[in-house]
C-alpha cells in the first residue's frame, strides 16, 4: 500500500467513525468515549462500573450499548458475559 493510499484509508476510517457516531445520543457518546479512552489499558468492562464512572445506572448503560456497538468502528465491542451484571469485551 502506498503512502497516499494509507493516508486515504486513515481518512476514510476517521470519516466512518464520525458518521457512525453522529446519530448517537449524549449518553451513547459518553459511553463510547469512555470505552475508547480506556480500551488500551483494559479489555473487559462491566456495565455497572461504566455506569459508576459516568453517573448513569447500569440499566442505562445496557440499554444504550447496542447503539454504541453499532457505532464503534475504531474499537470492537462484544457482549462477553453475564455474572453479577453484563460484561463487555472491548478491543482495538
PDB file of N, CA and C in Angstrom:
ATOM      1  N   UNK A   1       0.858  -1.163   0.000  1.00  0.00           N
ATOM      2  CA  UNK A   1       0.000   0.000   0.000  1.00  0.00           C
ATOM      3  C   UNK A   1       0.909   1.232   0.000  1.00  0.00           C
ATOM      4  N   UNK A   2       0.598   2.177  -0.842  1.00  0.00           N
ATOM      5  CA  UNK A   2       1.405   3.389  -0.919  1.00  0.00           C
ATOM      6  C   UNK A   2       1.070   4.335   0.230  1.00  0.00           C
ATOM      7  N   UNK A   3       1.938   5.325   0.433  1.00  0.00           N
ATOM      8  CA  UNK A   3       1.711   6.302   1.496  1.00  0.00           C
ATOM      9  C   UNK A   3       0.409   7.054   1.269  1.00  0.00           C
ATOM     10  N   UNK A   4       0.120   7.362   0.002  1.00  0.00           N
ATOM     11  CA  UNK A   4      -1.108   8.096  -0.313  1.00  0.00           C
ATOM     12  C   UNK A   4      -2.334   7.265   0.031  1.00  0.00           C
ATOM     13  N   UNK A   5      -2.329   5.986  -0.343  1.00  0.00           N
ATOM     14  CA  UNK A   5      -3.498   5.155  -0.060  1.00  0.00           C
ATOM     15  C   UNK A   5      -3.617   4.884   1.439  1.00  0.00           C
ATOM     16  N   UNK A   6      -2.488   4.863   2.158  1.00  0.00           N
ATOM     17  CA  UNK A   6      -2.547   4.711   3.612  1.00  0.00           C
ATOM     18  C   UNK A   6      -3.228   5.917   4.232  1.00  0.00           C
ATOM     19  N   UNK A   7      -2.844   7.114   3.803  1.00  0.00           N
ATOM     20  CA  UNK A   7      -3.459   8.343   4.310  1.00  0.00           C
ATOM     21  C   UNK A   7      -4.938   8.368   3.956  1.00  0.00           C
ATOM     22  N   UNK A   8      -5.275   7.983   2.731  1.00  0.00           N
ATOM     23  CA  UNK A   8      -6.680   7.952   2.315  1.00  0.00           C
ATOM     24  C   UNK A   8      -7.462   6.956   3.162  1.00  0.00           C
ATOM     25  N   UNK A   9      -6.852   5.800   3.451  1.00  0.00           N
ATOM     26  CA  UNK A   9      -7.507   4.780   4.259  1.00  0.00           C
ATOM     27  C   UNK A   9      -7.773   5.296   5.663  1.00  0.00           C
ATOM     28  N   UNK A  10      -6.793   5.954   6.269  1.00  0.00           N
ATOM     29  CA  UNK A  10      -6.962   6.511   7.607  1.00  0.00           C
ATOM     30  C   UNK A  10      -8.060   7.568   7.597  1.00  0.00           C
ATOM     31  N   UNK A  11      -8.049   8.430   6.599  1.00  0.00           N
ATOM     32  CA  UNK A  11      -9.085   9.457   6.478  1.00  0.00           C
ATOM     33  C   UNK A  11     -10.459   8.850   6.335  1.00  0.00           C
ATOM     34  N   UNK A  12     -10.582   7.786   5.578  1.00  0.00           N
ATOM     35  CA  UNK A  12     -11.855   7.104   5.381  1.00  0.00           C
ATOM     36  C   UNK A  12     -12.336   6.489   6.690  1.00  0.00           C
ATOM     37  N   UNK A  13     -11.431   5.881   7.457  1.00  0.00           N
ATOM     38  CA  UNK A  13     -11.807   5.289   8.738  1.00  0.00           C
ATOM     39  C   UNK A  13     -12.284   6.358   9.714  1.00  0.00           C
ATOM     40  N   UNK A  14     -11.587   7.485   9.763  1.00  0.00           N
ATOM     41  CA  UNK A  14     -11.991   8.575  10.648  1.00  0.00           C
ATOM     42  C   UNK A  14     -13.349   9.130  10.244  1.00  0.00           C
ATOM     43  N   UNK A  15     -13.571   9.288   8.951  1.00  0.00           N
ATOM     44  CA  UNK A  15     -14.856   9.771   8.448  1.00  0.00           C
ATOM     45  C   UNK A  15     -15.965   8.797   8.822  1.00  0.00           C
ATOM     46  N   UNK A  16     -15.704   7.500   8.669  1.00  0.00           N
ATOM     47  CA  UNK A  16     -16.698   6.483   9.013  1.00  0.00           C
ATOM     48  C   UNK A  16     -17.014   6.533  10.499  1.00  0.00           C
ATOM     49  N   UNK A  17     -15.992   6.739  11.337  1.00  0.00           N
ATOM     50  CA  UNK A  17     -16.204   6.815  12.787  1.00  0.00           C
ATOM     51  C   UNK A  17     -17.079   8.007  13.142  1.00  0.00           C
ATOM     52  N   UNK A  18     -16.828   9.132  12.514  1.00  0.00           N
ATOM     53  CA  UNK A  18     -17.626  10.339  12.780  1.00  0.00           C
ATOM     54  C   UNK A  18     -19.055  10.132  12.308  1.00  0.00           C
ATOM     55  N   UNK A  19     -19.227   9.577  11.098  1.00  0.00           N
ATOM     56  CA  UNK A  19     -20.570   9.359  10.565  1.00  0.00           C
ATOM     57  C   UNK A  19     -21.347   8.356  11.409  1.00  0.00           C
ATOM     58  N   UNK A  20     -20.689   7.287  11.853  1.00  0.00           N
ATOM     59  CA  UNK A  20     -21.362   6.253  12.634  1.00  0.00           C
ATOM     60  C   UNK A  20     -21.793   6.783  13.988  1.00  0.00           C
ATOM     61  N   UNK A  21     -21.015   7.695  14.555  1.00  0.00           N
ATOM     62  CA  UNK A  21     -21.361   8.196  15.883  1.00  0.00           C
ATOM     63  C   UNK A  21     -22.238   9.443  15.841  1.00  0.00           C
ATOM     64  N   UNK A  22     -22.537   9.954  14.652  1.00  0.00           N
ATOM     65  CA  UNK A  22     -23.339  11.174  14.525  1.00  0.00           C
ATOM     66  C   UNK A  22     -24.766  10.988  15.040  1.00  0.00           C
ATOM     67  N   UNK A  23     -25.297   9.792  14.947  1.00  0.00           N
ATOM     68  CA  UNK A  23     -26.676   9.539  15.348  1.00  0.00           C
ATOM     69  C   UNK A  23     -26.818   9.115  16.809  1.00  0.00           C
ATOM     70  N   UNK A  24     -25.740   9.143  17.562  1.00  0.00           N
ATOM     71  CA  UNK A  24     -25.794   8.709  18.954  1.00  0.00           C
ATOM     72  C   UNK A  24     -26.331   9.804  19.868  1.00  0.00           C
ATOM     73  N   UNK A  25     -26.979   9.374  20.941  1.00  0.00           N
ATOM     74  CA  UNK A  25     -27.443  10.314  21.962  1.00  0.00           C
ATOM     75  C   UNK A  25     -26.243  10.747  22.806  1.00  0.00           C
ATOM     76  N   UNK A  26     -26.461  11.717  23.681  1.00  0.00           N
ATOM     77  CA  UNK A  26     -25.398  12.181  24.568  1.00  0.00           C
ATOM     78  C   UNK A  26     -24.863  11.038  25.433  1.00  0.00           C
ATOM     79  N   UNK A  27     -25.761  10.242  26.005  1.00  0.00           N
ATOM     80  CA  UNK A  27     -25.340   9.107  26.843  1.00  0.00           C
ATOM     81  C   UNK A  27     -24.499   8.124  26.040  1.00  0.00           C
ATOM     82  N   UNK A  28     -24.932   7.830  24.821  1.00  0.00           N
ATOM     83  CA  UNK A  28     -24.211   6.885  23.979  1.00  0.00           C
ATOM     84  C   UNK A  28     -22.835   7.419  23.600  1.00  0.00           C
ATOM     85  N   UNK A  29     -22.750   8.717  23.319  1.00  0.00           N
ATOM     86  CA  UNK A  29     -21.450   9.341  23.043  1.00  0.00           C
ATOM     87  C   UNK A  29     -20.525   9.224  24.247  1.00  0.00           C
ATOM     88  N   UNK A  30     -21.065   9.460  25.424  1.00  0.00           N
ATOM     89  CA  UNK A  30     -20.251   9.388  26.641  1.00  0.00           C
ATOM     90  C   UNK A  30     -19.738   7.974  26.883  1.00  0.00           C
ATOM     91  N   UNK A  31     -20.602   6.972  26.671  1.00  0.00           N
ATOM     92  CA  UNK A  31     -20.194   5.576  26.845  1.00  0.00           C
ATOM     93  C   UNK A  31     -19.106   5.222  25.832  1.00  0.00           C
ATOM     94  N   UNK A  32     -19.315   5.577  24.578  1.00  0.00           N
ATOM     95  CA  UNK A  32     -18.337   5.283  23.536  1.00  0.00           C
ATOM     96  C   UNK A  32     -17.003   5.968  23.820  1.00  0.00           C
ATOM     97  N   UNK A  33     -17.042   7.219  24.230  1.00  0.00           N
ATOM     98  CA  UNK A  33     -15.811   7.949  24.553  1.00  0.00           C
ATOM     99  C   UNK A  33     -15.085   7.278  25.714  1.00  0.00           C
ATOM    100  N   UNK A  34     -15.821   6.840  26.712  1.00  0.00           N
ATOM    101  CA  UNK A  34     -15.221   6.157  27.862  1.00  0.00           C
ATOM    102  C   UNK A  34     -14.532   4.868  27.414  1.00  0.00           C
ATOM    103  N   UNK A  35     -15.211   4.084  26.595  1.00  0.00           N
ATOM    104  CA  UNK A  35     -14.628   2.829  26.125  1.00  0.00           C
ATOM    105  C   UNK A  35     -13.391   3.081  25.271  1.00  0.00           C
ATOM    106  N   UNK A  36     -13.452   4.064  24.377  1.00  0.00           N
ATOM    107  CA  UNK A  36     -12.286   4.400  23.547  1.00  0.00           C
ATOM    108  C   UNK A  36     -11.106   4.826  24.410  1.00  0.00           C
ATOM    109  N   UNK A  37     -11.384   5.631  25.411  1.00  0.00           N
ATOM    110  CA  UNK A  37     -10.324   6.158  26.270  1.00  0.00           C
ATOM    111  C   UNK A  37      -9.624   5.056  27.063  1.00  0.00           C
ATOM    112  N   UNK A  38     -10.378   4.039  27.480  1.00  0.00           N
ATOM    113  CA  UNK A  38      -9.823   3.017  28.348  1.00  0.00           C
ATOM    114  C   UNK A  38      -9.511   1.689  27.646  1.00  0.00           C
ATOM    115  N   UNK A  39      -9.801   1.565  26.362  1.00  0.00           N
ATOM    116  CA  UNK A  39      -9.609   0.296  25.648  1.00  0.00           C
ATOM    117  C   UNK A  39      -8.148  -0.152  25.598  1.00  0.00           C
ATOM    118  N   UNK A  40      -7.214   0.775  25.585  1.00  0.00           N
ATOM    119  CA  UNK A  40      -5.799   0.414  25.512  1.00  0.00           C
ATOM    120  C   UNK A  40      -5.295  -0.206  26.815  1.00  0.00           C
ATOM    121  N   UNK A  41      -5.919   0.142  27.927  1.00  0.00           N
ATOM    122  CA  UNK A  41      -5.432  -0.330  29.219  1.00  0.00           C
ATOM    123  C   UNK A  41      -6.303  -1.413  29.841  1.00  0.00           C
ATOM    124  N   UNK A  42      -7.450  -1.676  29.249  1.00  0.00           N
ATOM    125  CA  UNK A  42      -8.410  -2.615  29.836  1.00  0.00           C
ATOM    126  C   UNK A  42      -9.172  -3.291  28.710  1.00  0.00           C
ATOM    127  N   UNK A  43      -9.540  -4.569  28.894  1.00  0.00           N
ATOM    128  CA  UNK A  43     -10.282  -5.302  27.870  1.00  0.00           C
ATOM    129  C   UNK A  43     -11.733  -5.547  28.266  1.00  0.00           C
ATOM    130  N   UNK A  44     -11.979  -5.831  29.526  1.00  0.00           N
ATOM    131  CA  UNK A  44     -13.317  -6.183  29.974  1.00  0.00           C
ATOM    132  C   UNK A  44     -13.908  -5.072  30.840  1.00  0.00           C
ATOM    133  N   UNK A  45     -15.166  -4.739  30.550  1.00  0.00           N
ATOM    134  CA  UNK A  45     -15.850  -3.658  31.248  1.00  0.00           C
ATOM    135  C   UNK A  45     -17.209  -4.157  31.723  1.00  0.00           C
ATOM    136  N   UNK A  46     -17.524  -3.931  32.976  1.00  0.00           N
ATOM    137  CA  UNK A  46     -18.851  -4.260  33.497  1.00  0.00           C
ATOM    138  C   UNK A  46     -19.745  -3.030  33.344  1.00  0.00           C
ATOM    139  N   UNK A  47     -20.988  -3.261  32.974  1.00  0.00           N
ATOM    140  CA  UNK A  47     -21.941  -2.158  32.810  1.00  0.00           C
ATOM    141  C   UNK A  47     -22.042  -1.316  34.072  1.00  0.00           C
ATOM    142  N   UNK A  48     -22.061  -1.956  35.229  1.00  0.00           N
ATOM    143  CA  UNK A  48     -22.225  -1.209  36.481  1.00  0.00           C
ATOM    144  C   UNK A  48     -21.025  -0.319  36.778  1.00  0.00           C
ATOM    145  N   UNK A  49     -19.822  -0.754  36.357  1.00  0.00           N
ATOM    146  CA  UNK A  49     -18.632   0.072  36.592  1.00  0.00           C
ATOM    147  C   UNK A  49     -18.559   1.236  35.609  1.00  0.00           C
ATOM    148  N   UNK A  50     -18.975   0.999  34.370  1.00  0.00           N
ATOM    149  CA  UNK A  50     -19.077   2.091  33.396  1.00  0.00           C
ATOM    150  C   UNK A  50     -20.085   3.115  33.935  1.00  0.00           C
ATOM    151  N   UNK A  51     -21.201   2.604  34.420  1.00  0.00           N
ATOM    152  CA  UNK A  51     -22.263   3.471  34.953  1.00  0.00           C
ATOM    153  C   UNK A  51     -21.757   4.333  36.108  1.00  0.00           C
ATOM    154  N   UNK A  52     -21.012   3.727  37.021  1.00  0.00           N
ATOM    155  CA  UNK A  52     -20.468   4.486  38.153  1.00  0.00           C
ATOM    156  C   UNK A  52     -19.564   5.614  37.678  1.00  0.00           C
ATOM    157  N   UNK A  53     -18.726   5.332  36.700  1.00  0.00           N
ATOM    158  CA  UNK A  53     -17.790   6.332  36.182  1.00  0.00           C
ATOM    159  C   UNK A  53     -18.506   7.486  35.489  1.00  0.00           C
ATOM    160  N   UNK A  54     -19.627   7.187  34.834  1.00  0.00           N
ATOM    161  CA  UNK A  54     -20.313   8.191  34.023  1.00  0.00           C
ATOM    162  C   UNK A  54     -21.552   8.791  34.689  1.00  0.00           C
ATOM    163  N   UNK A  55     -21.851   8.365  35.894  1.00  0.00           N
ATOM    164  CA  UNK A  55     -23.021   8.900  36.582  1.00  0.00           C
ATOM    165  C   UNK A  55     -24.335   8.420  35.984  1.00  0.00           C
ATOM    166  N   UNK A  56     -24.331   7.198  35.487  1.00  0.00           N
ATOM    167  CA  UNK A  56     -25.529   6.587  34.913  1.00  0.00           C
ATOM    168  C   UNK A  56     -25.883   5.357  35.733  1.00  0.00           C
ATOM    169  N   UNK A  57     -27.002   4.735  35.406  1.00  0.00           N
ATOM    170  CA  UNK A  57     -27.329   3.449  36.020  1.00  0.00           C
ATOM    171  C   UNK A  57     -26.828   2.341  35.088  1.00  0.00           C
ATOM    172  N   UNK A  58     -26.624   1.160  35.639  1.00  0.00           N
ATOM    173  CA  UNK A  58     -26.195   0.019  34.830  1.00  0.00           C
ATOM    174  C   UNK A  58     -27.245  -0.291  33.751  1.00  0.00           C
ATOM    175  N   UNK A  59     -28.496  -0.076  34.100  1.00  0.00           N
ATOM    176  CA  UNK A  59     -29.584  -0.309  33.146  1.00  0.00           C
ATOM    177  C   UNK A  59     -29.484   0.664  31.967  1.00  0.00           C
ATOM    178  N   UNK A  60     -29.144   1.929  32.249  1.00  0.00           N
ATOM    179  CA  UNK A  60     -28.975   2.917  31.175  1.00  0.00           C
ATOM    180  C   UNK A  60     -27.812   2.522  30.255  1.00  0.00           C
ATOM    181  N   UNK A  61     -26.732   2.060  30.846  1.00  0.00           N
ATOM    182  CA  UNK A  61     -25.580   1.634  30.044  1.00  0.00           C
ATOM    183  C   UNK A  61     -25.995   0.471  29.142  1.00  0.00           C
ATOM    184  N   UNK A  62     -26.616  -0.536  29.731  1.00  0.00           N
ATOM    185  CA  UNK A  62     -27.051  -1.706  28.954  1.00  0.00           C
ATOM    186  C   UNK A  62     -28.021  -1.353  27.846  1.00  0.00           C
ATOM    187  N   UNK A  63     -28.947  -0.447  28.125  1.00  0.00           N
ATOM    188  CA  UNK A  63     -29.953  -0.050  27.133  1.00  0.00           C
ATOM    189  C   UNK A  63     -29.327   0.703  25.964  1.00  0.00           C
ATOM    190  N   UNK A  64     -28.194   1.347  26.190  1.00  0.00           N
ATOM    191  CA  UNK A  64     -27.561   2.148  25.144  1.00  0.00           C
ATOM    192  C   UNK A  64     -26.416   1.437  24.423  1.00  0.00           C
ATOM    193  N   UNK A  65     -26.036   0.285  24.904  1.00  0.00           N
ATOM    194  CA  UNK A  65     -24.859  -0.388  24.330  1.00  0.00           C
ATOM    195  C   UNK A  65     -25.061  -0.889  22.901  1.00  0.00           C
ATOM    196  N   UNK A  66     -26.262  -1.263  22.526  1.00  0.00           N
ATOM    197  CA  UNK A  66     -26.446  -1.764  21.152  1.00  0.00           C
ATOM    198  C   UNK A  66     -26.126  -0.671  20.136  1.00  0.00           C
ATOM    199  N   UNK A  67     -26.509   0.562  20.416  1.00  0.00           N
ATOM    200  CA  UNK A  67     -26.177   1.679  19.526  1.00  0.00           C
ATOM    201  C   UNK A  67     -24.683   1.938  19.538  1.00  0.00           C
ATOM    202  N   UNK A  68     -24.056   1.811  20.703  1.00  0.00           N
ATOM    203  CA  UNK A  68     -22.610   2.011  20.822  1.00  0.00           C
ATOM    204  C   UNK A  68     -21.867   0.933  20.034  1.00  0.00           C
ATOM    205  N   UNK A  69     -22.312  -0.312  20.161  1.00  0.00           N
ATOM    206  CA  UNK A  69     -21.690  -1.426  19.426  1.00  0.00           C
ATOM    207  C   UNK A  69     -21.759  -1.165  17.923  1.00  0.00           C
ATOM    208  N   UNK A  70     -22.898  -0.714  17.441  1.00  0.00           N
ATOM    209  CA  UNK A  70     -23.074  -0.441  16.011  1.00  0.00           C
ATOM    210  C   UNK A  70     -22.231   0.740  15.545  1.00  0.00           C
ATOM    211  N   UNK A  71     -22.023   1.731  16.387  1.00  0.00           N
ATOM    212  CA  UNK A  71     -21.313   2.950  16.005  1.00  0.00           C
ATOM    213  C   UNK A  71     -19.797   2.841  16.163  1.00  0.00           C
ATOM    214  N   UNK A  72     -19.331   1.919  16.962  1.00  0.00           N
ATOM    215  CA  UNK A  72     -17.897   1.813  17.258  1.00  0.00           C
ATOM    216  C   UNK A  72     -17.166   1.167  16.083  1.00  0.00           C
ATOM    217  N   UNK A  73     -16.497   1.975  15.268  1.00  0.00           N
ATOM    218  CA  UNK A  73     -15.756   1.439  14.130  1.00  0.00           C
ATOM    219  C   UNK A  73     -14.265   1.313  14.419  1.00  0.00           C
ATOM    220  N   UNK A  74     -13.779   2.046  15.399  1.00  0.00           N
ATOM    221  CA  UNK A  74     -12.354   2.010  15.724  1.00  0.00           C
ATOM    222  C   UNK A  74     -12.038   1.054  16.866  1.00  0.00           C
ATOM    223  N   UNK A  75     -13.071   0.561  17.544  1.00  0.00           N
ATOM    224  CA  UNK A  75     -12.922  -0.466  18.568  1.00  0.00           C
ATOM    225  C   UNK A  75     -14.005  -1.512  18.351  1.00  0.00           C
ATOM    226  N   UNK A  76     -13.734  -2.727  18.813  1.00  0.00           N
ATOM    227  CA  UNK A  76     -14.733  -3.788  18.753  1.00  0.00           C
ATOM    228  C   UNK A  76     -15.335  -3.958  20.135  1.00  0.00           C
ATOM    229  N   UNK A  77     -16.647  -3.967  20.207  1.00  0.00           N
ATOM    230  CA  UNK A  77     -17.346  -4.120  21.481  1.00  0.00           C
ATOM    231  C   UNK A  77     -18.266  -5.329  21.352  1.00  0.00           C
ATOM    232  N   UNK A  78     -18.077  -6.306  22.249  1.00  0.00           N
ATOM    233  CA  UNK A  78     -18.889  -7.514  22.235  1.00  0.00           C
ATOM    234  C   UNK A  78     -19.437  -7.786  23.624  1.00  0.00           C
ATOM    235  N   UNK A  79     -20.683  -8.226  23.673  1.00  0.00           N
ATOM    236  CA  UNK A  79     -21.238  -8.678  24.946  1.00  0.00           C
ATOM    237  C   UNK A  79     -20.506  -9.969  25.287  1.00  0.00           C
ATOM    238  N   UNK A  80     -19.864  -9.999  26.422  1.00  0.00           N
ATOM    239  CA  UNK A  80     -18.983 -11.107  26.747  1.00  0.00           C
ATOM    240  C   UNK A  80     -19.611 -12.083  27.733  1.00  0.00           C
ATOM    241  N   UNK A  81     -20.246 -11.588  28.747  1.00  0.00           N
ATOM    242  CA  UNK A  81     -20.823 -12.495  29.720  1.00  0.00           C
ATOM    243  C   UNK A  81     -21.742 -11.781  30.677  1.00  0.00           C
ATOM    244  N   UNK A  82     -22.381 -12.591  31.506  1.00  0.00           N
ATOM    245  CA  UNK A  82     -23.299 -12.035  32.489  1.00  0.00           C
ATOM    246  C   UNK A  82     -23.121 -12.791  33.797  1.00  0.00           C
ATOM    247  N   UNK A  83     -22.378 -12.206  34.688  1.00  0.00           N
ATOM    248  CA  UNK A  83     -22.296 -12.711  36.056  1.00  0.00           C
ATOM    249  C   UNK A  83     -22.119 -11.476  36.922  1.00  0.00           C
ATOM    250  N   UNK A  84     -23.019 -11.257  37.803  1.00  0.00           N
ATOM    251  CA  UNK A  84     -23.054 -10.024  38.597  1.00  0.00           C
ATOM    252  C   UNK A  84     -23.148  -8.805  37.699  1.00  0.00           C
ATOM    253  N   UNK A  85     -23.876  -8.915  36.609  1.00  0.00           N
ATOM    254  CA  UNK A  85     -24.041  -7.816  35.651  1.00  0.00           C
ATOM    255  C   UNK A  85     -23.391  -8.152  34.327  1.00  0.00           C
ATOM    256  N   UNK A  86     -23.698  -7.380  33.317  1.00  0.00           N
ATOM    257  CA  UNK A  86     -23.190  -7.627  31.977  1.00  0.00           C
ATOM    258  C   UNK A  86     -21.747  -7.171  31.857  1.00  0.00           C
ATOM    259  N   UNK A  87     -20.935  -8.003  31.213  1.00  0.00           N
ATOM    260  CA  UNK A  87     -19.538  -7.671  30.934  1.00  0.00           C
ATOM    261  C   UNK A  87     -19.390  -7.502  29.429  1.00  0.00           C
ATOM    262  N   UNK A  88     -18.640  -6.486  29.038  1.00  0.00           N
ATOM    263  CA  UNK A  88     -18.377  -6.187  27.636  1.00  0.00           C
ATOM    264  C   UNK A  88     -16.888  -6.338  27.362  1.00  0.00           C
ATOM    265  N   UNK A  89     -16.546  -7.003  26.246  1.00  0.00           N
ATOM    266  CA  UNK A  89     -15.166  -7.129  25.838  1.00  0.00           C
ATOM    267  C   UNK A  89     -14.902  -6.053  24.777  1.00  0.00           C
ATOM    268  N   UNK A  90     -13.879  -5.243  25.008  1.00  0.00           N
ATOM    269  CA  UNK A  90     -13.551  -4.141  24.106  1.00  0.00           C
ATOM    270  C   UNK A  90     -12.117  -4.320  23.636  1.00  0.00           C
ATOM    271  N   UNK A  91     -11.931  -4.369  22.320  1.00  0.00           N
ATOM    272  CA  UNK A  91     -10.594  -4.491  21.735  1.00  0.00           C
ATOM    273  C   UNK A  91     -10.413  -3.431  20.652  1.00  0.00           C
ATOM    274  N   UNK A  92      -9.136  -3.083  20.456  1.00  0.00           N
ATOM    275  CA  UNK A  92      -8.826  -2.086  19.424  1.00  0.00           C
ATOM    276  C   UNK A  92      -8.429  -2.756  18.143  1.00  0.00           C
TER     277      UNK A  92
END
